[in-house]
């Protein structure tokens, strides 16, 4: 049981999602268990919103979803990072939204799922 939970945590931690270069670009990726879609939405001269959804493609609930949004320069170096984690549980085959404001001036953005805790099915 613990080995399965740690394996799921490891696969979620490795889920690195592609960058989006402009407001028209959409980012997203699926690792089989989680599907993430997001977009960049300019707000003001000082901030840009990076908003999206994490979809659970398992028939198992999860909690402790930790999402990290990074703004990157032209060499893919991190300029700033913000936590966009969800306090909500992720229901089986459900989803949770996220949205975080980032300083303007980034060449692109990256969304990472840093961790997730999969709940063990009852009776297993």
C-alpha atoms as a PDB file:
ATOM      1  CA  UNK A   1       0.000   0.000   0.000  1.00  0.00           C
ATOM      2  CA  UNK A   2       2.699   2.464   0.999  1.00  0.00           C
ATOM      3  CA  UNK A   3       4.793   1.482  -2.029  1.00  0.00           C
ATOM      4  CA  UNK A   4       1.871   2.221  -4.371  1.00  0.00           C
ATOM      5  CA  UNK A   5       1.273   5.586  -2.705  1.00  0.00           C
ATOM      6  CA  UNK A   6       4.963   6.505  -2.974  1.00  0.00           C
ATOM      7  CA  UNK A   7       5.077   5.402  -6.616  1.00  0.00           C
ATOM      8  CA  UNK A   8       2.083   7.610  -7.396  1.00  0.00           C
ATOM      9  CA  UNK A   9       3.690  10.484  -5.550  1.00  0.00           C
ATOM     10  CA  UNK A  10       6.889  10.012  -7.535  1.00  0.00           C
ATOM     11  CA  UNK A  11       5.079   9.993 -10.868  1.00  0.00           C
ATOM     12  CA  UNK A  12       3.138  13.132  -9.933  1.00  0.00           C
ATOM     13  CA  UNK A  13       6.308  14.887  -8.808  1.00  0.00           C
ATOM     14  CA  UNK A  14       7.852  14.191 -12.192  1.00  0.00           C
ATOM     15  CA  UNK A  15       4.899  15.619 -14.091  1.00  0.00           C
ATOM     16  CA  UNK A  16       6.451  18.646 -15.730  1.00  0.00           C
ATOM     17  CA  UNK A  17       4.073  20.478 -17.958  1.00  0.00           C
ATOM     18  CA  UNK A  18       5.078  22.412 -21.067  1.00  0.00           C
ATOM     19  CA  UNK A  19       5.574  26.143 -21.143  1.00  0.00           C
ATOM     20  CA  UNK A  20       3.273  28.677 -22.684  1.00  0.00           C
ATOM     21  CA  UNK A  21       4.861  31.604 -24.460  1.00  0.00           C
ATOM     22  CA  UNK A  22       2.044  34.115 -24.817  1.00  0.00           C
ATOM     23  CA  UNK A  23      -1.490  34.846 -23.749  1.00  0.00           C
ATOM     24  CA  UNK A  24      -2.882  32.909 -26.700  1.00  0.00           C
ATOM     25  CA  UNK A  25      -0.922  29.774 -25.845  1.00  0.00           C
ATOM     26  CA  UNK A  26      -2.459  26.979 -23.845  1.00  0.00           C
ATOM     27  CA  UNK A  27      -0.516  24.516 -21.769  1.00  0.00           C
ATOM     28  CA  UNK A  28      -1.505  21.049 -20.810  1.00  0.00           C
ATOM     29  CA  UNK A  29      -0.441  17.480 -20.455  1.00  0.00           C
ATOM     30  CA  UNK A  30      -1.609  14.170 -19.123  1.00  0.00           C
ATOM     31  CA  UNK A  31       0.444  11.538 -17.320  1.00  0.00           C
ATOM     32  CA  UNK A  32      -2.390   8.997 -17.354  1.00  0.00           C
ATOM     33  CA  UNK A  33      -3.512   9.827 -13.807  1.00  0.00           C
ATOM     34  CA  UNK A  34      -3.712  13.606 -13.984  1.00  0.00           C
ATOM     35  CA  UNK A  35      -4.545  15.924 -16.840  1.00  0.00           C
ATOM     36  CA  UNK A  36      -3.633  19.589 -16.519  1.00  0.00           C
ATOM     37  CA  UNK A  37      -4.794  22.375 -18.787  1.00  0.00           C
ATOM     38  CA  UNK A  38      -3.957  26.030 -18.301  1.00  0.00           C
ATOM     39  CA  UNK A  39      -3.687  29.371 -20.044  1.00  0.00           C
ATOM     40  CA  UNK A  40      -1.998  32.723 -19.548  1.00  0.00           C
ATOM     41  CA  UNK A  41      -4.314  35.711 -19.235  1.00  0.00           C
ATOM     42  CA  UNK A  42      -2.839  39.245 -19.050  1.00  0.00           C
ATOM     43  CA  UNK A  43      -4.500  41.288 -16.294  1.00  0.00           C
ATOM     44  CA  UNK A  44      -2.649  44.598 -15.879  1.00  0.00           C
ATOM     45  CA  UNK A  45       0.744  46.024 -16.774  1.00  0.00           C
ATOM     46  CA  UNK A  46       2.152  44.490 -13.593  1.00  0.00           C
ATOM     47  CA  UNK A  47       0.518  41.053 -13.366  1.00  0.00           C
ATOM     48  CA  UNK A  48      -0.558  38.132 -15.525  1.00  0.00           C
ATOM     49  CA  UNK A  49      -2.884  35.358 -14.422  1.00  0.00           C
ATOM     50  CA  UNK A  50      -2.003  31.709 -15.011  1.00  0.00           C
ATOM     51  CA  UNK A  51      -5.232  29.757 -14.577  1.00  0.00           C
ATOM     52  CA  UNK A  52      -6.288  26.224 -15.292  1.00  0.00           C
ATOM     53  CA  UNK A  53      -7.661  22.922 -14.067  1.00  0.00           C
ATOM     54  CA  UNK A  54      -6.235  19.656 -12.792  1.00  0.00           C
ATOM     55  CA  UNK A  55      -8.371  16.672 -13.762  1.00  0.00           C
ATOM     56  CA  UNK A  56      -8.206  13.334 -11.948  1.00  0.00           C
ATOM     57  CA  UNK A  57      -8.433  10.500 -14.466  1.00  0.00           C
ATOM     58  CA  UNK A  58      -8.364   7.788 -11.786  1.00  0.00           C
ATOM     59  CA  UNK A  59     -11.312   6.200 -10.047  1.00  0.00           C
ATOM     60  CA  UNK A  60      -9.595   7.051  -6.760  1.00  0.00           C
ATOM     61  CA  UNK A  61      -9.755  10.271  -4.761  1.00  0.00           C
ATOM     62  CA  UNK A  62      -6.698  12.312  -3.870  1.00  0.00           C
ATOM     63  CA  UNK A  63      -5.718  15.156  -1.563  1.00  0.00           C
ATOM     64  CA  UNK A  64      -2.734  17.341  -0.852  1.00  0.00           C
ATOM     65  CA  UNK A  65      -2.431  18.554  -4.446  1.00  0.00           C
ATOM     66  CA  UNK A  66       0.598  20.866  -4.689  1.00  0.00           C
ATOM     67  CA  UNK A  67       0.824  22.974  -7.846  1.00  0.00           C
ATOM     68  CA  UNK A  68       3.759  25.249  -8.679  1.00  0.00           C
ATOM     69  CA  UNK A  69       3.586  27.925 -11.391  1.00  0.00           C
ATOM     70  CA  UNK A  70       6.902  29.356 -12.637  1.00  0.00           C
ATOM     71  CA  UNK A  71       7.651  32.304 -14.901  1.00  0.00           C
ATOM     72  CA  UNK A  72      10.669  31.692 -17.132  1.00  0.00           C
ATOM     73  CA  UNK A  73      13.120  33.837 -19.065  1.00  0.00           C
ATOM     74  CA  UNK A  74      14.257  33.123 -22.649  1.00  0.00           C
ATOM     75  CA  UNK A  75      16.777  30.545 -21.336  1.00  0.00           C
ATOM     76  CA  UNK A  76      14.138  28.712 -19.267  1.00  0.00           C
ATOM     77  CA  UNK A  77      15.549  30.057 -16.014  1.00  0.00           C
ATOM     78  CA  UNK A  78      12.990  30.653 -13.279  1.00  0.00           C
ATOM     79  CA  UNK A  79      12.229  34.336 -12.718  1.00  0.00           C
ATOM     80  CA  UNK A  80       9.526  33.795 -10.116  1.00  0.00           C
ATOM     81  CA  UNK A  81       7.461  30.975  -8.695  1.00  0.00           C
ATOM     82  CA  UNK A  82       4.095  30.889  -6.968  1.00  0.00           C
ATOM     83  CA  UNK A  83       2.196  28.199  -5.136  1.00  0.00           C
ATOM     84  CA  UNK A  84      -1.169  27.474  -6.741  1.00  0.00           C
ATOM     85  CA  UNK A  85      -1.980  24.459  -4.587  1.00  0.00           C
ATOM     86  CA  UNK A  86      -5.544  23.401  -3.950  1.00  0.00           C
ATOM     87  CA  UNK A  87      -6.950  22.902  -0.476  1.00  0.00           C
ATOM     88  CA  UNK A  88      -9.809  20.902  -2.000  1.00  0.00           C
ATOM     89  CA  UNK A  89      -9.793  17.143  -2.350  1.00  0.00           C
ATOM     90  CA  UNK A  90      -9.659  15.792  -5.879  1.00  0.00           C
ATOM     91  CA  UNK A  91     -12.617  13.458  -6.348  1.00  0.00           C
ATOM     92  CA  UNK A  92     -12.477  10.374  -8.584  1.00  0.00           C
ATOM     93  CA  UNK A  93     -12.769  11.486 -12.224  1.00  0.00           C
ATOM     94  CA  UNK A  94     -13.201  15.072 -10.953  1.00  0.00           C
ATOM     95  CA  UNK A  95     -11.213  18.248 -11.215  1.00  0.00           C
ATOM     96  CA  UNK A  96     -10.098  21.348  -9.335  1.00  0.00           C
ATOM     97  CA  UNK A  97      -9.365  24.803 -10.716  1.00  0.00           C
ATOM     98  CA  UNK A  98      -6.311  26.903  -9.934  1.00  0.00           C
ATOM     99  CA  UNK A  99      -5.373  30.499 -10.665  1.00  0.00           C
ATOM    100  CA  UNK A 100      -2.387  32.535  -9.592  1.00  0.00           C
ATOM    101  CA  UNK A 101      -1.112  35.974 -10.527  1.00  0.00           C
ATOM    102  CA  UNK A 102       2.470  36.311 -11.747  1.00  0.00           C
ATOM    103  CA  UNK A 103       4.603  39.384 -12.398  1.00  0.00           C
ATOM    104  CA  UNK A 104       4.705  40.398 -16.059  1.00  0.00           C
ATOM    105  CA  UNK A 105       7.899  40.176 -18.092  1.00  0.00           C
ATOM    106  CA  UNK A 106       8.242  36.416 -18.411  1.00  0.00           C
ATOM    107  CA  UNK A 107       9.091  34.822 -21.732  1.00  0.00           C
ATOM    108  CA  UNK A 108       7.016  31.735 -20.842  1.00  0.00           C
ATOM    109  CA  UNK A 109       5.383  29.893 -17.957  1.00  0.00           C
ATOM    110  CA  UNK A 110       5.549  26.377 -16.579  1.00  0.00           C
ATOM    111  CA  UNK A 111       3.113  24.480 -14.349  1.00  0.00           C
ATOM    112  CA  UNK A 112       4.330  21.611 -12.191  1.00  0.00           C
ATOM    113  CA  UNK A 113       2.455  19.137 -10.029  1.00  0.00           C
ATOM    114  CA  UNK A 114       4.860  18.770  -7.110  1.00  0.00           C
ATOM    115  CA  UNK A 115       2.918  16.203  -5.124  1.00  0.00           C
ATOM    116  CA  UNK A 116      -0.388  14.480  -4.633  1.00  0.00           C
ATOM    117  CA  UNK A 117      -1.553  11.908  -2.089  1.00  0.00           C
ATOM    118  CA  UNK A 118      -3.761   9.186  -3.524  1.00  0.00           C
ATOM    119  CA  UNK A 119      -6.340   7.792  -1.102  1.00  0.00           C
ATOM    120  CA  UNK A 120      -6.407   4.029  -0.742  1.00  0.00           C
ATOM    121  CA  UNK A 121      -9.708   2.431  -1.789  1.00  0.00           C
ATOM    122  CA  UNK A 122     -11.854   1.295   1.131  1.00  0.00           C
ATOM    123  CA  UNK A 123     -11.588  -2.460   1.706  1.00  0.00           C
ATOM    124  CA  UNK A 124      -8.223  -2.838  -0.035  1.00  0.00           C
END
